Amino acid sequence: MSFCYKLDKDKLDDFTSYLDSIKDVDGCVMPALQKCQNVFSYIPEPVVDLMALKLNVPSSEIYGVATFYSHFSLKPKGEHDICVCLGTACYVNGSDKILKSLAEELGVEVGDTTEDGKISLSEARCVGECGSAPVVMIDGEDFVEKVDPSQVHNIIHKVRKADL
């Protein structure tokens, strides 16, 4: 069983109005996907079908664009994101082991979200903190530097505590 996300009717209505406003604009798929990602935090399958109908483009075109660009996600995101840098400096310092430990402790694969919808686990090719390798980034702004696998439990605890 995986984390399930229910679409908010008001958000869906607002997004539908947005689609109506751009349906005749050339190249409207990219702005529609960007708006969708901002509104829902991911690209839900039912919304892809809605975009296809409203924009009069095939669903395959929408999926093609959404899967080509890595900043789009077709899976629901958690309230928090733990991202492990796998850039060269981090990798040679063991970030792959940290990622594996996080996945095991959270009970998810990379790119997935915990059952309670609280934490997503992701990876990045470089977060620009090579001098502090290996690095784990929390919610895109909080860096944990020189991480080793023994810190995994504390990192998860810190993220869960942020929900209090």
N, C-alpha and C. Protein backbone atom coordinates (compact mmCIF):
# COMPACT_ATOMS: atom_id res chain seq x y z
N MET A 1 0.85 -1.18 0.00
CA MET A 1 0.00 0.00 0.00
C MET A 1 0.89 1.24 0.00
N SER A 2 0.52 2.24 -0.74
CA SER A 2 1.32 3.46 -0.79
C SER A 2 0.50 4.65 -0.34
N PHE A 3 1.21 5.70 -0.04
CA PHE A 3 0.61 6.96 0.42
C PHE A 3 -0.41 7.45 -0.61
N CYS A 4 -1.58 7.83 -0.14
CA CYS A 4 -2.65 8.29 -1.02
C CYS A 4 -2.92 9.77 -0.76
N TYR A 5 -3.10 10.50 -1.82
CA TYR A 5 -3.31 11.94 -1.73
C TYR A 5 -4.67 12.24 -2.32
N LYS A 6 -5.53 12.94 -1.57
CA LYS A 6 -6.86 13.30 -2.05
C LYS A 6 -6.81 14.72 -2.62
N LEU A 7 -7.36 14.90 -3.81
CA LEU A 7 -7.36 16.20 -4.46
C LEU A 7 -8.38 17.13 -3.81
N ASP A 8 -7.95 18.33 -3.51
CA ASP A 8 -8.80 19.35 -2.91
C ASP A 8 -9.68 19.97 -4.00
N LYS A 9 -11.00 19.99 -3.78
CA LYS A 9 -11.93 20.47 -4.80
C LYS A 9 -11.68 21.93 -5.17
N ASP A 10 -11.41 22.79 -4.20
CA ASP A 10 -11.15 24.20 -4.51
C ASP A 10 -9.90 24.36 -5.36
N LYS A 11 -8.85 23.61 -5.03
CA LYS A 11 -7.63 23.67 -5.83
C LYS A 11 -7.89 23.17 -7.25
N LEU A 12 -8.68 22.11 -7.34
CA LEU A 12 -8.99 21.55 -8.66
C LEU A 12 -9.81 22.55 -9.48
N ASP A 13 -10.77 23.21 -8.85
CA ASP A 13 -11.57 24.21 -9.56
C ASP A 13 -10.71 25.38 -10.03
N ASP A 14 -9.81 25.85 -9.17
CA ASP A 14 -8.91 26.94 -9.55
C ASP A 14 -8.00 26.52 -10.69
N PHE A 15 -7.49 25.29 -10.62
CA PHE A 15 -6.60 24.80 -11.67
C PHE A 15 -7.35 24.66 -12.99
N THR A 16 -8.59 24.20 -12.94
CA THR A 16 -9.42 24.08 -14.14
C THR A 16 -9.63 25.45 -14.78
N SER A 17 -9.88 26.46 -13.96
CA SER A 17 -10.02 27.83 -14.48
C SER A 17 -8.74 28.30 -15.14
N TYR A 18 -7.60 27.96 -14.54
CA TYR A 18 -6.31 28.32 -15.13
C TYR A 18 -6.15 27.65 -16.50
N LEU A 19 -6.50 26.38 -16.58
CA LEU A 19 -6.39 25.67 -17.86
C LEU A 19 -7.26 26.34 -18.92
N ASP A 20 -8.46 26.75 -18.54
CA ASP A 20 -9.34 27.44 -19.48
C ASP A 20 -8.71 28.74 -19.99
N SER A 21 -7.94 29.39 -19.13
CA SER A 21 -7.34 30.67 -19.51
C SER A 21 -6.14 30.53 -20.44
N ILE A 22 -5.53 29.34 -20.50
CA ILE A 22 -4.33 29.17 -21.33
C ILE A 22 -4.53 28.19 -22.49
N LYS A 23 -5.72 27.65 -22.64
CA LYS A 23 -5.93 26.57 -23.60
C LYS A 23 -5.60 26.93 -25.04
N ASP A 24 -5.65 28.19 -25.40
CA ASP A 24 -5.37 28.60 -26.78
C ASP A 24 -3.95 29.16 -26.95
N VAL A 25 -3.14 29.06 -25.94
CA VAL A 25 -1.77 29.58 -25.98
C VAL A 25 -0.83 28.48 -26.49
N ASP A 26 0.00 28.83 -27.49
CA ASP A 26 1.00 27.87 -27.96
C ASP A 26 1.95 27.53 -26.82
N GLY A 27 2.30 26.24 -26.73
CA GLY A 27 3.24 25.82 -25.70
C GLY A 27 2.67 25.82 -24.30
N CYS A 28 1.37 25.60 -24.18
CA CYS A 28 0.70 25.71 -22.88
C CYS A 28 0.95 24.52 -21.95
N VAL A 29 1.53 23.44 -22.47
CA VAL A 29 1.71 22.26 -21.62
C VAL A 29 2.68 22.54 -20.47
N MET A 30 3.80 23.16 -20.78
CA MET A 30 4.79 23.42 -19.72
C MET A 30 4.22 24.32 -18.62
N PRO A 31 3.61 25.46 -18.95
CA PRO A 31 3.03 26.28 -17.87
C PRO A 31 1.93 25.54 -17.10
N ALA A 32 1.17 24.70 -17.79
CA ALA A 32 0.12 23.93 -17.10
C ALA A 32 0.74 22.95 -16.10
N LEU A 33 1.81 22.29 -16.52
CA LEU A 33 2.49 21.36 -15.61
C LEU A 33 3.12 22.10 -14.43
N GLN A 34 3.71 23.25 -14.68
CA GLN A 34 4.31 24.03 -13.60
C GLN A 34 3.25 24.45 -12.59
N LYS A 35 2.13 24.92 -13.10
CA LYS A 35 1.03 25.34 -12.23
C LYS A 35 0.50 24.13 -11.43
N CYS A 36 0.35 23.02 -12.11
CA CYS A 36 -0.14 21.79 -11.47
C CYS A 36 0.78 21.38 -10.33
N GLN A 37 2.08 21.36 -10.60
CA GLN A 37 3.07 20.99 -9.58
C GLN A 37 2.99 21.95 -8.39
N ASN A 38 2.82 23.24 -8.66
CA ASN A 38 2.72 24.22 -7.58
C ASN A 38 1.44 24.06 -6.77
N VAL A 39 0.35 23.75 -7.44
CA VAL A 39 -0.95 23.64 -6.76
C VAL A 39 -1.06 22.36 -5.95
N PHE A 40 -0.68 21.22 -6.57
CA PHE A 40 -0.90 19.92 -5.93
C PHE A 40 0.36 19.31 -5.32
N SER A 41 1.51 19.89 -5.57
CA SER A 41 2.84 19.42 -5.15
C SER A 41 3.33 18.21 -5.95
N TYR A 42 2.54 17.76 -6.90
CA TYR A 42 2.93 16.72 -7.83
C TYR A 42 1.94 16.75 -8.99
N ILE A 43 2.11 15.86 -9.95
CA ILE A 43 1.23 15.81 -11.12
C ILE A 43 0.32 14.58 -10.99
N PRO A 44 -0.88 14.75 -10.45
CA PRO A 44 -1.79 13.60 -10.27
C PRO A 44 -2.31 13.07 -11.62
N GLU A 45 -2.44 11.77 -11.73
CA GLU A 45 -2.91 11.15 -12.97
C GLU A 45 -4.26 11.69 -13.44
N PRO A 46 -5.26 11.84 -12.55
CA PRO A 46 -6.54 12.39 -13.03
C PRO A 46 -6.40 13.81 -13.59
N VAL A 47 -5.45 14.57 -13.07
CA VAL A 47 -5.25 15.94 -13.53
C VAL A 47 -4.57 15.95 -14.90
N VAL A 48 -3.74 14.94 -15.17
CA VAL A 48 -3.15 14.81 -16.51
C VAL A 48 -4.27 14.63 -17.53
N ASP A 49 -5.22 13.79 -17.21
CA ASP A 49 -6.35 13.57 -18.11
C ASP A 49 -7.17 14.85 -18.29
N LEU A 50 -7.36 15.59 -17.21
CA LEU A 50 -8.07 16.86 -17.28
C LEU A 50 -7.31 17.85 -18.17
N MET A 51 -5.98 17.93 -18.00
CA MET A 51 -5.17 18.81 -18.84
C MET A 51 -5.30 18.43 -20.31
N ALA A 52 -5.25 17.15 -20.58
CA ALA A 52 -5.36 16.68 -21.97
C ALA A 52 -6.68 17.14 -22.59
N LEU A 53 -7.77 16.98 -21.85
CA LEU A 53 -9.07 17.38 -22.36
C LEU A 53 -9.18 18.89 -22.53
N LYS A 54 -8.77 19.63 -21.51
CA LYS A 54 -8.92 21.08 -21.54
C LYS A 54 -7.98 21.75 -22.56
N LEU A 55 -6.77 21.20 -22.71
CA LEU A 55 -5.78 21.82 -23.60
C LEU A 55 -5.79 21.23 -25.01
N ASN A 56 -6.62 20.19 -25.18
CA ASN A 56 -6.74 19.51 -26.47
C ASN A 56 -5.38 18.99 -26.98
N VAL A 57 -4.67 18.34 -26.07
CA VAL A 57 -3.42 17.68 -26.43
C VAL A 57 -3.47 16.25 -25.89
N PRO A 58 -2.74 15.34 -26.50
CA PRO A 58 -2.76 13.96 -26.00
C PRO A 58 -2.13 13.85 -24.61
N SER A 59 -2.67 12.94 -23.81
CA SER A 59 -2.09 12.67 -22.49
C SER A 59 -0.63 12.27 -22.62
N SER A 60 -0.30 11.58 -23.69
CA SER A 60 1.09 11.13 -23.90
C SER A 60 2.05 12.31 -24.01
N GLU A 61 1.59 13.41 -24.60
CA GLU A 61 2.43 14.60 -24.69
C GLU A 61 2.68 15.20 -23.30
N ILE A 62 1.63 15.23 -22.50
CA ILE A 62 1.76 15.76 -21.14
C ILE A 62 2.70 14.87 -20.32
N TYR A 63 2.51 13.56 -20.40
CA TYR A 63 3.40 12.64 -19.69
C TYR A 63 4.84 12.76 -20.21
N GLY A 64 4.98 12.94 -21.50
CA GLY A 64 6.32 13.08 -22.09
C GLY A 64 7.07 14.26 -21.50
N VAL A 65 6.40 15.39 -21.40
CA VAL A 65 7.04 16.58 -20.82
C VAL A 65 7.28 16.38 -19.32
N ALA A 66 6.28 15.84 -18.63
CA ALA A 66 6.38 15.66 -17.17
C ALA A 66 7.50 14.69 -16.79
N THR A 67 7.72 13.68 -17.60
CA THR A 67 8.77 12.70 -17.27
C THR A 67 10.14 13.12 -17.78
N PHE A 68 10.20 14.04 -18.72
CA PHE A 68 11.48 14.51 -19.24
C PHE A 68 12.19 15.41 -18.23
N TYR A 69 11.43 16.27 -17.57
CA TYR A 69 12.02 17.23 -16.63
C TYR A 69 11.97 16.67 -15.21
N SER A 70 13.14 16.60 -14.57
CA SER A 70 13.23 15.96 -13.26
C SER A 70 12.53 16.73 -12.14
N HIS A 71 12.24 18.00 -12.32
CA HIS A 71 11.58 18.74 -11.24
C HIS A 71 10.08 18.44 -11.14
N PHE A 72 9.54 17.73 -12.14
CA PHE A 72 8.14 17.31 -12.05
C PHE A 72 8.08 15.94 -11.38
N SER A 73 7.07 15.73 -10.57
CA SER A 73 6.89 14.44 -9.91
C SER A 73 5.49 13.91 -10.20
N LEU A 74 5.42 12.64 -10.51
CA LEU A 74 4.14 11.99 -10.73
C LEU A 74 3.66 11.27 -9.46
N LYS A 75 4.42 11.41 -8.38
CA LYS A 75 4.06 10.79 -7.11
C LYS A 75 3.82 11.88 -6.07
N PRO A 76 2.88 11.63 -5.16
CA PRO A 76 2.64 12.60 -4.09
C PRO A 76 3.89 12.80 -3.25
N LYS A 77 4.10 14.02 -2.81
CA LYS A 77 5.23 14.35 -1.95
C LYS A 77 4.76 14.40 -0.51
N GLY A 78 5.67 14.10 0.39
CA GLY A 78 5.37 14.19 1.81
C GLY A 78 5.42 15.63 2.29
N GLU A 79 5.05 15.83 3.53
CA GLU A 79 5.12 17.17 4.11
C GLU A 79 6.57 17.64 4.20
N HIS A 80 7.49 16.69 4.33
CA HIS A 80 8.92 17.00 4.41
C HIS A 80 9.68 16.14 3.41
N ASP A 81 10.82 16.66 2.97
CA ASP A 81 11.67 15.92 2.04
C ASP A 81 13.06 15.78 2.62
N ILE A 82 13.55 14.55 2.63
CA ILE A 82 14.94 14.29 2.99
C ILE A 82 15.64 13.93 1.69
N CYS A 83 16.62 14.74 1.32
CA CYS A 83 17.33 14.57 0.05
C CYS A 83 18.81 14.30 0.31
N VAL A 84 19.31 13.20 -0.25
CA VAL A 84 20.71 12.84 -0.09
C VAL A 84 21.46 13.22 -1.35
N CYS A 85 22.55 13.95 -1.18
CA CYS A 85 23.39 14.33 -2.32
C CYS A 85 24.20 13.12 -2.76
N LEU A 86 24.15 12.83 -4.06
CA LEU A 86 24.94 11.74 -4.63
C LEU A 86 25.99 12.27 -5.60
N GLY A 87 26.30 13.55 -5.47
CA GLY A 87 27.38 14.12 -6.28
C GLY A 87 28.68 13.42 -5.96
N THR A 88 29.70 13.64 -6.77
CA THR A 88 30.96 12.91 -6.64
C THR A 88 31.56 13.00 -5.24
N ALA A 89 31.70 14.20 -4.69
CA ALA A 89 32.31 14.35 -3.37
C ALA A 89 31.51 13.61 -2.30
N CYS A 90 30.20 13.73 -2.35
CA CYS A 90 29.35 13.05 -1.37
C CYS A 90 29.40 11.54 -1.57
N TYR A 91 29.33 11.11 -2.81
CA TYR A 91 29.31 9.68 -3.10
C TYR A 91 30.59 8.99 -2.62
N VAL A 92 31.75 9.58 -2.92
CA VAL A 92 33.00 8.94 -2.50
C VAL A 92 33.16 8.96 -0.98
N ASN A 93 32.37 9.79 -0.30
CA ASN A 93 32.39 9.82 1.15
C ASN A 93 31.23 9.04 1.78
N GLY A 94 30.54 8.23 0.97
CA GLY A 94 29.56 7.30 1.52
C GLY A 94 28.11 7.70 1.49
N SER A 95 27.74 8.66 0.66
CA SER A 95 26.33 9.07 0.64
C SER A 95 25.40 7.96 0.17
N ASP A 96 25.91 7.02 -0.64
CA ASP A 96 25.08 5.90 -1.06
C ASP A 96 24.66 5.04 0.13
N LYS A 97 25.55 4.90 1.09
CA LYS A 97 25.23 4.12 2.31
C LYS A 97 24.21 4.87 3.17
N ILE A 98 24.33 6.18 3.22
CA ILE A 98 23.39 7.00 3.98
C ILE A 98 22.00 6.89 3.35
N LEU A 99 21.94 6.98 2.03
CA LEU A 99 20.66 6.87 1.32
C LEU A 99 20.02 5.51 1.59
N LYS A 100 20.83 4.46 1.53
CA LYS A 100 20.31 3.11 1.79
C LYS A 100 19.79 3.00 3.22
N SER A 101 20.52 3.55 4.19
CA SER A 101 20.08 3.50 5.59
C SER A 101 18.78 4.28 5.80
N LEU A 102 18.69 5.44 5.18
CA LEU A 102 17.45 6.23 5.28
C LEU A 102 16.27 5.47 4.69
N ALA A 103 16.47 4.86 3.53
CA ALA A 103 15.40 4.10 2.89
C ALA A 103 14.94 2.95 3.78
N GLU A 104 15.90 2.25 4.37
CA GLU A 104 15.54 1.13 5.24
C GLU A 104 14.80 1.60 6.48
N GLU A 105 15.29 2.65 7.13
CA GLU A 105 14.65 3.12 8.36
C GLU A 105 13.27 3.72 8.09
N LEU A 106 13.13 4.42 6.96
CA LEU A 106 11.82 5.00 6.62
C LEU A 106 10.87 3.96 6.03
N GLY A 107 11.41 2.87 5.52
CA GLY A 107 10.58 1.83 4.90
C GLY A 107 10.06 2.23 3.53
N VAL A 108 10.85 3.03 2.79
CA VAL A 108 10.46 3.49 1.46
C VAL A 108 11.62 3.34 0.49
N GLU A 109 11.30 3.39 -0.78
CA GLU A 109 12.32 3.47 -1.83
C GLU A 109 12.58 4.94 -2.12
N VAL A 110 13.71 5.21 -2.74
CA VAL A 110 14.02 6.58 -3.15
C VAL A 110 12.93 7.05 -4.12
N GLY A 111 12.41 8.25 -3.88
CA GLY A 111 11.34 8.79 -4.70
C GLY A 111 9.96 8.55 -4.14
N ASP A 112 9.89 7.77 -3.04
CA ASP A 112 8.59 7.47 -2.44
C ASP A 112 8.39 8.25 -1.14
N THR A 113 7.18 8.11 -0.59
CA THR A 113 6.77 8.82 0.61
C THR A 113 6.32 7.81 1.66
N THR A 114 6.59 8.11 2.92
CA THR A 114 6.17 7.21 4.00
C THR A 114 4.65 7.05 4.01
N GLU A 115 4.20 5.95 4.57
CA GLU A 115 2.76 5.64 4.62
C GLU A 115 1.93 6.77 5.23
N ASP A 116 2.50 7.47 6.22
CA ASP A 116 1.75 8.53 6.88
C ASP A 116 1.77 9.85 6.12
N GLY A 117 2.49 9.87 4.98
CA GLY A 117 2.53 11.07 4.15
C GLY A 117 3.43 12.17 4.70
N LYS A 118 4.23 11.85 5.69
CA LYS A 118 5.06 12.87 6.34
C LYS A 118 6.39 13.12 5.64
N ILE A 119 7.07 12.06 5.18
CA ILE A 119 8.43 12.22 4.68
C ILE A 119 8.61 11.57 3.31
N SER A 120 9.16 12.33 2.38
CA SER A 120 9.58 11.80 1.09
C SER A 120 11.10 11.66 1.12
N LEU A 121 11.60 10.66 0.43
CA LEU A 121 13.04 10.44 0.32
C LEU A 121 13.45 10.67 -1.12
N SER A 122 14.43 11.55 -1.32
CA SER A 122 14.88 11.85 -2.67
C SER A 122 16.40 11.89 -2.72
N GLU A 123 16.90 12.02 -3.94
CA GLU A 123 18.34 12.13 -4.16
C GLU A 123 18.60 13.28 -5.12
N ALA A 124 19.80 13.82 -5.03
CA ALA A 124 20.20 14.90 -5.93
C ALA A 124 21.60 14.58 -6.44
N ARG A 125 21.91 15.07 -7.61
CA ARG A 125 23.25 14.84 -8.19
C ARG A 125 24.29 15.73 -7.55
N CYS A 126 23.93 16.91 -7.11
CA CYS A 126 24.85 17.80 -6.39
C CYS A 126 24.03 18.91 -5.75
N VAL A 127 24.33 19.21 -4.49
CA VAL A 127 23.63 20.30 -3.81
C VAL A 127 24.57 21.48 -3.56
N GLY A 128 25.80 21.40 -4.08
CA GLY A 128 26.73 22.52 -4.00
C GLY A 128 27.42 22.69 -2.66
N GLU A 129 27.46 21.65 -1.86
CA GLU A 129 28.10 21.72 -0.54
C GLU A 129 29.23 20.69 -0.46
N CYS A 130 30.02 20.60 -1.51
CA CYS A 130 31.04 19.55 -1.65
C CYS A 130 32.05 19.55 -0.51
N GLY A 131 32.36 20.70 0.05
CA GLY A 131 33.32 20.78 1.14
C GLY A 131 32.83 20.17 2.43
N SER A 132 31.53 19.88 2.50
CA SER A 132 30.92 19.32 3.71
C SER A 132 30.42 17.90 3.48
N ALA A 133 30.91 17.26 2.45
CA ALA A 133 30.42 15.95 2.04
C ALA A 133 30.66 14.89 3.11
N PRO A 134 29.71 13.94 3.17
CA PRO A 134 28.42 13.86 2.48
C PRO A 134 27.36 14.73 3.15
N VAL A 135 26.42 15.17 2.34
CA VAL A 135 25.41 16.12 2.79
C VAL A 135 24.00 15.55 2.59
N VAL A 136 23.15 15.81 3.59
CA VAL A 136 21.72 15.51 3.50
C VAL A 136 21.00 16.85 3.62
N MET A 137 20.05 17.08 2.74
CA MET A 137 19.30 18.33 2.74
C MET A 137 17.86 18.03 3.19
N ILE A 138 17.38 18.83 4.11
CA ILE A 138 16.02 18.66 4.63
C ILE A 138 15.17 19.82 4.14
N ASP A 139 14.09 19.50 3.46
CA ASP A 139 13.13 20.49 2.96
C ASP A 139 13.78 21.57 2.11
N GLY A 140 14.83 21.21 1.40
CA GLY A 140 15.45 22.10 0.44
C GLY A 140 16.23 23.26 1.02
N GLU A 141 16.37 23.30 2.36
CA GLU A 141 17.05 24.46 2.92
C GLU A 141 17.93 24.17 4.13
N ASP A 142 17.70 23.09 4.82
CA ASP A 142 18.47 22.77 6.02
C ASP A 142 19.48 21.68 5.66
N PHE A 143 20.78 21.99 5.75
CA PHE A 143 21.83 21.04 5.38
C PHE A 143 22.41 20.38 6.62
N VAL A 144 22.51 19.04 6.56
CA VAL A 144 23.21 18.28 7.58
C VAL A 144 24.51 17.85 6.92
N GLU A 145 25.63 18.28 7.49
CA GLU A 145 26.93 18.10 6.86
C GLU A 145 27.71 16.95 7.47
N LYS A 146 28.64 16.40 6.65
CA LYS A 146 29.54 15.32 7.07
C LYS A 146 28.77 14.20 7.76
N VAL A 147 27.72 13.76 7.12
CA VAL A 147 26.81 12.75 7.67
C VAL A 147 27.44 11.37 7.57
N ASP A 148 27.20 10.56 8.57
CA ASP A 148 27.55 9.14 8.47
C ASP A 148 26.30 8.33 8.83
N PRO A 149 26.27 7.05 8.45
CA PRO A 149 25.04 6.27 8.64
C PRO A 149 24.52 6.23 10.08
N SER A 150 25.40 6.43 11.06
CA SER A 150 24.94 6.41 12.46
C SER A 150 24.03 7.59 12.79
N GLN A 151 24.00 8.61 11.94
CA GLN A 151 23.18 9.80 12.18
C GLN A 151 21.77 9.70 11.58
N VAL A 152 21.52 8.65 10.83
CA VAL A 152 20.26 8.52 10.10
C VAL A 152 19.05 8.61 11.04
N HIS A 153 19.08 7.90 12.13
CA HIS A 153 17.95 7.92 13.07
C HIS A 153 17.70 9.35 13.58
N ASN A 154 18.76 10.06 13.91
CA ASN A 154 18.61 11.44 14.42
C ASN A 154 18.06 12.38 13.36
N ILE A 155 18.46 12.18 12.11
CA ILE A 155 17.95 13.02 11.01
C ILE A 155 16.44 12.81 10.87
N ILE A 156 16.02 11.56 10.88
CA ILE A 156 14.59 11.25 10.75
C ILE A 156 13.83 11.82 11.95
N HIS A 157 14.38 11.67 13.14
CA HIS A 157 13.74 12.20 14.35
C HIS A 157 13.59 13.72 14.25
N LYS A 158 14.63 14.40 13.75
CA LYS A 158 14.59 15.86 13.60
C LYS A 158 13.46 16.27 12.66
N VAL A 159 13.31 15.54 11.57
CA VAL A 159 12.26 15.87 10.60
C VAL A 159 10.89 15.61 11.20
N ARG A 160 10.71 14.50 11.84
CA ARG A 160 9.41 14.18 12.45
C ARG A 160 9.08 15.18 13.57
N LYS A 161 10.07 15.61 14.32
CA LYS A 161 9.87 16.58 15.40
C LYS A 161 9.41 17.94 14.85
N ALA A 162 9.81 18.25 13.63
CA ALA A 162 9.40 19.52 13.01
C ALA A 162 7.90 19.60 12.81
N ASP A 163 7.22 18.46 12.87
CA ASP A 163 5.76 18.43 12.70
C ASP A 163 5.01 18.82 13.97
N LEU A 164 5.70 18.87 15.08
CA LEU A 164 5.00 19.15 16.36
C LEU A 164 4.43 20.53 16.41
